[in-house]
Each structure stands twice: as C-alpha cells, then as structure tokens.
Amino acid sequence: MNAEFDLCKSFELVLTDLDDRIAPFLKERPTTPEGIREKVMLVGLQVAVKVMIPLYFNSLRSQPAKLYGIFADHVLVPGDSGITFNYDLALDREMKRAGKWSVGNGYGFEIDRVSFEGSPCTLFKLHGSTNWRGEVFQGRLGSGQVNPADLSLGQRPVIDRSEFEYLGYSDASDPQCHNGGVRIESLIMPTANKKFFTETSFGREWEGFWNFLWLQAGEALNSSNEVHLIGYSVPEYDARARNLLAQRIDRSAATRVCCHNATAGVIESLKKLRSSENIDIQPACATTFERWVSCMKPE
C-alpha cells in the first residue's frame, strides 16, 4: 500500500483508488506478464485489507466500552433503533448486557432457535459487522448437497459460536453456521463507491440481504419522533446514507446533531438535502459523544 498509493489521503479514498486500479482488470483480463502480476498484487491487497479490518477491531475487544455502557443502561429505551456504520461489537455487547438487545432478531434478521423473545431495541449495522461471515456452500463439500436457491453464500451471513460467547450467550449457535473451512468477511468496504453485494461466480449475492437491512433502517427513521445523529459527518460520497437521511427521516421528527467540530457542517448538509421542507434540525446538547451521553442520562 505504501508503494502503490498516496497514503496522505483518507483511508476511504485510498481504498477507492485501489478499487479504481482493479476495475479495468475485471473488465478485460490482462495478457502480459506485467499486467497479470499487477492484477494479482492489487486483488491480493484488496483481500488482505478486508481480512485485516475485522482482525484490527477484534484486537481491541479487551478494552472497556464505558460510554457505550452508559448509553445502553441509561439512554436507550425499548423500542429504540440504532443505525451504525461501525463494524465492531462494542455497542452490541453493551446493549446485550443491559438487556436492551437480543441477537435472535436484534440485527434485523432472524437467527432461528437463539431467542424466543423479540429484541427490545434493534441495531442495524448497515456496513456489516465483524461477527458476520459468509460460509461458502454452507460448509458442505459435495455440490449435490447444496440448495440452488442459496447459491454459494446462503441468504444471509452466519455467526460463529465463539461470537455468541463474546456477546454473552453461553449456549447458543446459529443453525445456518456449519463451521465450514472456507469463510469470507461480510463487510461493506469503506470506499467512496460502496458495493452492497458480494460478487461470486453465481453473480451478485446478498444484494437482497443488504437491501432488506437498509429498508428496515429507513422504516425505523420514518417512525421516529427523535433522531440523534452522532459522530457521522455525512460525506458527499456516501450517497446511500445521505439518501436515507434525506428521504426517510419524518419531517416532524426532531433531529439533533452531535459531531464534534463538524456539527455545524452536518446541519448545513442535512438542510440542503431537505431544502424543500421546514424541518427541525439543531445541534445536540453536546458536540462529543461523552458529553452527549452525560447530558442525555437521566438525573
């Protein structure tokens, strides 16, 4: 990465440059030794980054998540929905510990036999999660045993038993997880042009899965009378997220923005996105998450 790309750019834009370098090779196979080497190198870099992202976040799991704990204990109430672009499990775990969330359907999709109770709150992870993985052919080796409707990755990502244990479930497992040897990460890479599907030899897979999550997140926004936008700068290249905020927040909802030094800019961006409407968008009670949690916590 150091040799091939301008690392003075943001991480997102460096990965966008990587995507742009790979794109021509996907349209037309290289025929020269130099072209083949470059394609192999670039694709290898892309795969390595996708593997390294969850490894990095998982390496931080031993650290406390005090602010998320306060948020889960004192700010969230049953019926609330969280929408996040973070990959890590710190918030998931604290919501589970506080009794505000259940993995059975708390991510917006059903995991059979994990919990017979509905999740008090929902957590929509619209760019994926480090505990979601694709299991190629559901762990089966014989092609005749595969359900053609499931293609190669099934209808949704699966969750390993060890990930249930980390979230606080002592005896739970995903019935669709078969501990197969070939896994892929199910993260939406943080590039400017995000691809909400996984390209396989069967074509695009999981496109319906991602669309379903985004649809539910939009419905949650539309049914909310308060929306708190925390730490998200609404970058112009994040088209799908900008459209979600522009189209799905109910016009009567009170929208409050907490985004450190970018708070004023985020408010201006949201007003431009919804310029034809008279909407209530104002700064939150604080500009940092720590102070916001403190002022939102009941006395």
Protein backbone atom coordinates (compact mmCIF):
# COMPACT_ATOMS: atom_id res chain seq x y z
CA MET A 1 0.00 0.00 0.00
CA ASN A 2 2.86 2.38 0.84
CA ALA A 3 4.48 1.80 -2.53
CA GLU A 4 1.38 1.90 -4.70
CA PHE A 5 -0.91 4.58 -3.20
CA ASP A 6 -0.96 8.10 -1.80
CA LEU A 7 -1.45 7.46 1.92
CA CYS A 8 -1.85 11.18 2.61
CA LYS A 9 -5.45 10.67 1.53
CA SER A 10 -8.13 9.38 3.88
CA PHE A 11 -8.39 5.62 4.32
CA GLU A 12 -11.68 5.60 2.39
CA LEU A 13 -10.18 7.39 -0.61
CA VAL A 14 -7.06 5.17 -0.64
CA LEU A 15 -9.32 2.12 -0.85
CA THR A 16 -11.30 3.88 -3.59
CA ASP A 17 -8.07 4.30 -5.56
CA LEU A 18 -7.42 0.58 -5.07
CA ASP A 19 -10.89 -0.22 -6.44
CA ASP A 20 -10.29 2.06 -9.42
CA ARG A 21 -6.98 0.34 -10.21
CA ILE A 22 -8.63 -3.09 -10.14
CA ALA A 23 -11.72 -2.17 -12.19
CA PRO A 24 -10.07 -2.29 -15.67
CA PHE A 25 -8.63 -5.74 -14.95
CA LEU A 26 -12.10 -7.05 -14.11
CA LYS A 27 -13.50 -5.81 -17.43
CA GLU A 28 -10.68 -7.18 -19.55
CA ARG A 29 -8.23 -9.86 -18.46
CA PRO A 30 -4.57 -8.81 -18.67
CA THR A 31 -2.50 -10.81 -21.15
CA THR A 32 1.03 -9.56 -20.45
CA PRO A 33 3.13 -10.88 -17.55
CA GLU A 34 3.31 -7.36 -16.12
CA GLY A 35 -0.47 -6.93 -16.27
CA ILE A 36 -1.09 -10.32 -14.67
CA ARG A 37 1.35 -9.55 -11.85
CA GLU A 38 -0.29 -6.17 -11.21
CA LYS A 39 -3.77 -7.69 -11.11
CA VAL A 40 -2.69 -10.42 -8.69
CA MET A 41 -0.93 -7.86 -6.48
CA LEU A 42 -3.88 -5.47 -6.37
CA VAL A 43 -6.52 -8.13 -5.76
CA GLY A 44 -4.30 -9.61 -3.05
CA LEU A 45 -4.09 -6.19 -1.39
CA GLN A 46 -7.86 -5.81 -1.51
CA VAL A 47 -8.45 -9.22 0.08
CA ALA A 48 -5.78 -8.55 2.73
CA VAL A 49 -7.38 -5.26 3.76
CA LYS A 50 -10.81 -6.88 4.05
CA VAL A 51 -9.33 -9.55 6.34
CA MET A 52 -7.26 -7.08 8.36
CA ILE A 53 -10.15 -4.73 9.22
CA PRO A 54 -12.03 -7.24 11.44
CA LEU A 55 -8.73 -8.52 12.88
CA TYR A 56 -7.88 -4.97 13.93
CA PHE A 57 -11.25 -4.32 15.59
CA ASN A 58 -11.24 -7.73 17.26
CA SER A 59 -7.82 -6.92 18.75
CA LEU A 60 -9.47 -4.09 20.71
CA ARG A 61 -12.12 -6.28 22.35
CA SER A 62 -10.38 -6.43 25.71
CA GLN A 63 -10.71 -2.67 26.13
CA PRO A 64 -13.69 -1.35 28.13
CA ALA A 65 -16.58 0.41 26.42
CA LYS A 66 -17.68 2.61 29.33
CA LEU A 67 -19.55 5.21 27.28
CA TYR A 68 -21.46 2.57 25.34
CA GLY A 69 -22.33 1.00 28.68
CA ILE A 70 -23.81 4.28 29.97
CA PHE A 71 -25.62 4.74 26.67
CA ALA A 72 -27.12 1.24 26.83
CA ASP A 73 -28.05 1.46 30.52
CA HIS A 74 -29.43 4.98 30.74
CA VAL A 75 -30.22 6.41 27.29
CA LEU A 76 -31.66 3.56 25.23
CA VAL A 77 -35.24 2.51 25.95
CA PRO A 78 -37.18 -0.43 24.48
CA GLY A 79 -38.44 0.44 21.02
CA ASP A 80 -35.38 2.49 20.08
CA SER A 81 -33.36 1.65 16.99
CA GLY A 82 -29.67 2.19 16.48
CA ILE A 83 -28.24 2.63 12.99
CA THR A 84 -24.47 2.34 12.77
CA PHE A 85 -21.75 2.14 10.15
CA ASN A 86 -19.26 0.74 12.68
CA TYR A 87 -18.02 -2.83 12.26
CA ASP A 88 -17.03 -3.66 15.85
CA LEU A 89 -19.14 -5.33 18.57
CA ALA A 90 -18.63 -2.94 21.49
CA LEU A 91 -22.12 -1.44 21.24
CA ASP A 92 -23.77 -4.81 20.52
CA ARG A 93 -22.22 -6.32 23.62
CA GLU A 94 -23.18 -3.47 25.94
CA MET A 95 -26.76 -3.46 24.64
CA LYS A 96 -26.97 -7.21 25.32
CA ARG A 97 -25.52 -6.82 28.81
CA ALA A 98 -28.04 -4.06 29.59
CA GLY A 99 -30.94 -6.24 28.49
CA LYS A 100 -31.76 -3.88 25.62
CA TRP A 101 -30.90 -6.19 22.72
CA SER A 102 -31.07 -9.82 21.63
CA VAL A 103 -29.10 -11.35 18.79
CA GLY A 104 -32.08 -13.54 17.80
CA ASN A 105 -33.60 -10.74 15.74
CA GLY A 106 -31.83 -7.63 17.01
CA TYR A 107 -29.74 -7.19 13.87
CA GLY A 108 -32.81 -7.01 11.65
CA PHE A 109 -32.69 -10.64 10.54
CA GLU A 110 -33.82 -13.82 12.27
CA ILE A 111 -31.42 -16.35 13.77
CA ASP A 112 -33.60 -19.36 14.49
CA ARG A 113 -33.59 -21.06 17.88
CA VAL A 114 -31.37 -18.41 19.52
CA SER A 115 -34.08 -16.49 21.35
CA PHE A 116 -37.82 -16.81 21.54
CA GLU A 117 -38.17 -13.22 22.73
CA GLY A 118 -38.05 -10.21 20.46
CA SER A 119 -35.16 -7.80 20.87
CA PRO A 120 -36.18 -4.71 22.91
CA CYS A 121 -34.07 -2.50 20.63
CA THR A 122 -32.76 -3.08 17.12
CA LEU A 123 -29.22 -2.43 15.88
CA PHE A 124 -28.94 -2.02 12.12
CA LYS A 125 -25.29 -2.39 11.05
CA LEU A 126 -25.58 -1.09 7.52
CA HIS A 127 -21.93 -1.66 6.57
CA GLY A 128 -21.69 -5.09 8.17
CA SER A 129 -20.21 -6.46 11.36
CA THR A 130 -17.00 -8.26 12.31
CA ASN A 131 -19.04 -11.25 13.57
CA TRP A 132 -20.92 -11.74 10.29
CA ARG A 133 -19.26 -14.12 7.84
CA GLY A 134 -20.07 -15.82 4.61
CA GLU A 135 -19.76 -19.60 4.70
CA VAL A 136 -19.16 -20.94 1.21
CA PHE A 137 -21.73 -23.62 0.30
CA GLN A 138 -22.80 -23.72 3.96
CA GLY A 139 -19.72 -25.76 4.82
CA ARG A 140 -20.67 -28.63 2.52
CA LEU A 141 -18.17 -30.26 0.21
CA GLY A 142 -20.44 -32.13 -2.18
CA SER A 143 -22.16 -29.91 -4.75
CA GLY A 144 -25.18 -32.21 -4.84
CA GLN A 145 -25.98 -31.31 -1.22
CA VAL A 146 -26.30 -27.58 -1.90
CA ASN A 147 -29.67 -25.86 -2.18
CA PRO A 148 -29.58 -24.00 -5.53
CA ALA A 149 -31.71 -21.19 -4.06
CA ASP A 150 -28.94 -20.42 -1.57
CA LEU A 151 -26.31 -20.02 -4.31
CA SER A 152 -22.85 -20.11 -2.73
CA LEU A 153 -23.32 -17.93 0.37
CA GLY A 154 -26.84 -18.61 1.60
CA GLN A 155 -29.47 -15.98 2.26
CA ARG A 156 -27.56 -14.11 4.96
CA PRO A 157 -24.23 -14.05 6.83
CA VAL A 158 -23.69 -16.55 9.63
CA ILE A 159 -22.32 -16.07 13.15
CA ASP A 160 -19.78 -18.43 14.76
CA ARG A 161 -20.35 -19.90 18.22
CA SER A 162 -17.34 -18.00 19.61
CA GLU A 163 -19.01 -14.74 18.62
CA PHE A 164 -22.15 -15.67 20.56
CA GLU A 165 -19.95 -16.31 23.58
CA TYR A 166 -18.33 -12.90 23.24
CA LEU A 167 -21.76 -11.25 23.17
CA GLY A 168 -22.69 -13.02 26.39
CA TYR A 169 -24.52 -16.14 25.19
CA SER A 170 -23.17 -19.21 26.95
CA ASP A 171 -25.03 -21.84 24.95
CA ALA A 172 -26.23 -20.52 21.60
CA SER A 173 -25.38 -21.18 17.99
CA ASP A 174 -26.50 -20.20 14.52
CA PRO A 175 -28.30 -23.14 12.89
CA GLN A 176 -27.10 -21.96 9.49
CA CYS A 177 -23.44 -21.99 10.57
CA HIS A 178 -21.76 -25.33 9.83
CA ASN A 179 -18.13 -24.48 10.67
CA GLY A 180 -17.06 -24.85 7.07
CA GLY A 181 -13.45 -24.31 6.16
CA VAL A 182 -13.95 -21.51 3.63
CA ARG A 183 -15.13 -18.18 5.03
CA ILE A 184 -15.35 -14.65 3.69
CA GLU A 185 -15.79 -11.40 5.57
CA SER A 186 -19.16 -9.75 5.07
CA LEU A 187 -18.12 -6.13 5.38
CA ILE A 188 -19.03 -3.31 3.05
CA MET A 189 -15.63 -1.86 2.33
CA PRO A 190 -15.29 1.84 3.26
CA THR A 191 -14.74 3.10 -0.27
CA ALA A 192 -16.41 6.07 -1.91
CA ASN A 193 -18.33 3.75 -4.25
CA LYS A 194 -19.69 1.14 -1.87
CA LYS A 195 -20.93 -2.16 -3.29
CA PHE A 196 -23.84 -3.63 -1.35
CA PHE A 197 -23.42 -7.14 -2.68
CA THR A 198 -20.76 -9.83 -2.96
CA GLU A 199 -19.67 -10.75 -6.46
CA THR A 200 -19.31 -14.51 -6.93
CA SER A 201 -19.28 -16.95 -9.85
CA PHE A 202 -23.07 -17.12 -9.40
CA GLY A 203 -23.36 -13.35 -9.82
CA ARG A 204 -24.31 -10.83 -7.16
CA GLU A 205 -25.12 -12.44 -3.82
CA TRP A 206 -26.56 -10.90 -0.63
CA GLU A 207 -27.85 -7.88 -2.54
CA GLY A 208 -31.33 -8.64 -1.22
CA PHE A 209 -29.95 -9.04 2.30
CA TRP A 210 -28.39 -5.58 2.32
CA ASN A 211 -31.45 -4.01 0.70
CA PHE A 212 -33.65 -5.53 3.41
CA LEU A 213 -31.47 -4.10 6.20
CA TRP A 214 -31.47 -0.63 4.65
CA LEU A 215 -35.24 -0.80 4.12
CA GLN A 216 -35.78 -1.60 7.80
CA ALA A 217 -33.44 1.19 8.87
CA GLY A 218 -35.43 3.60 6.72
CA GLU A 219 -38.67 2.45 8.31
CA ALA A 220 -37.17 2.95 11.77
CA LEU A 221 -36.15 6.51 10.89
CA ASN A 222 -39.54 7.26 9.40
CA SER A 223 -41.39 6.11 12.52
CA SER A 224 -39.15 8.01 14.97
CA ASN A 225 -40.12 11.31 16.60
CA GLU A 226 -36.48 11.94 17.62
CA VAL A 227 -33.34 11.29 15.60
CA HIS A 228 -29.87 11.76 17.09
CA LEU A 229 -27.01 11.83 14.59
CA ILE A 230 -23.81 11.03 16.47
CA GLY A 231 -20.32 11.25 15.03
CA TYR A 232 -21.27 10.94 11.36
CA SER A 233 -20.12 13.71 9.04
CA VAL A 234 -22.48 12.90 6.10
CA PRO A 235 -19.70 12.84 3.47
CA GLU A 236 -20.81 13.64 -0.06
CA TYR A 237 -19.55 10.34 -1.45
CA ASP A 238 -21.75 8.33 0.95
CA ALA A 239 -24.69 8.55 -1.41
CA ARG A 240 -26.85 5.77 0.03
CA ALA A 241 -26.56 7.05 3.61
CA ARG A 242 -27.27 10.63 2.52
CA ASN A 243 -30.37 9.47 0.66
CA LEU A 244 -31.50 7.53 3.73
CA LEU A 245 -31.31 10.65 5.88
CA ALA A 246 -32.82 12.88 3.22
CA GLN A 247 -35.76 10.66 2.34
CA ARG A 248 -36.64 8.65 5.42
CA ILE A 249 -36.47 10.95 8.46
CA ASP A 250 -40.03 12.07 9.15
CA ARG A 251 -40.45 15.80 8.56
CA SER A 252 -41.98 16.22 12.04
CA ALA A 253 -39.08 14.49 13.82
CA ALA A 254 -36.66 16.49 15.96
CA THR A 255 -33.17 15.84 14.56
CA ARG A 256 -30.20 16.62 16.79
CA VAL A 257 -26.59 16.52 15.60
CA CYS A 258 -23.51 15.71 17.71
CA CYS A 259 -20.43 15.60 15.51
CA HIS A 260 -17.63 17.46 17.30
CA ASN A 261 -16.19 20.27 15.15
CA ALA A 262 -18.22 19.15 12.12
CA THR A 263 -21.61 19.66 13.82
CA ALA A 264 -22.43 22.93 12.04
CA GLY A 265 -21.38 21.49 8.68
CA VAL A 266 -23.53 18.38 9.16
CA ILE A 267 -26.56 20.53 10.00
CA GLU A 268 -25.98 22.58 6.87
CA SER A 269 -25.65 19.43 4.75
CA LEU A 270 -28.91 17.99 6.10
CA LYS A 271 -30.75 21.24 5.49
CA LYS A 272 -29.53 21.26 1.89
CA LEU A 273 -30.61 17.66 1.43
CA ARG A 274 -34.10 18.60 2.61
CA SER A 275 -34.22 22.18 1.35
CA SER A 276 -37.87 21.99 0.29
CA GLU A 277 -39.07 21.12 3.80
CA ASN A 278 -39.39 23.01 7.06
CA ILE A 279 -37.64 20.56 9.35
CA ASP A 280 -36.30 20.72 12.89
CA ILE A 281 -32.52 20.16 12.72
CA GLN A 282 -30.43 21.63 15.51
CA PRO A 283 -27.21 20.99 17.43
CA ALA A 284 -27.49 18.36 20.14
CA CYS A 285 -26.92 19.15 23.80
CA ALA A 286 -23.19 18.49 23.27
CA THR A 287 -20.71 18.06 20.44
CA THR A 288 -18.86 14.98 21.76
CA PHE A 289 -20.30 11.54 22.45
CA GLU A 290 -19.02 11.58 26.04
CA ARG A 291 -20.79 14.83 26.87
CA TRP A 292 -23.87 13.87 24.86
CA VAL A 293 -24.28 10.64 26.86
CA SER A 294 -23.83 12.62 30.07
CA CYS A 295 -26.50 15.18 29.24
CA MET A 296 -28.91 12.54 27.87
CA LYS A 297 -28.56 10.39 31.01
CA PRO A 298 -31.47 10.98 33.40
CA GLU A 299 -30.53 12.63 36.70
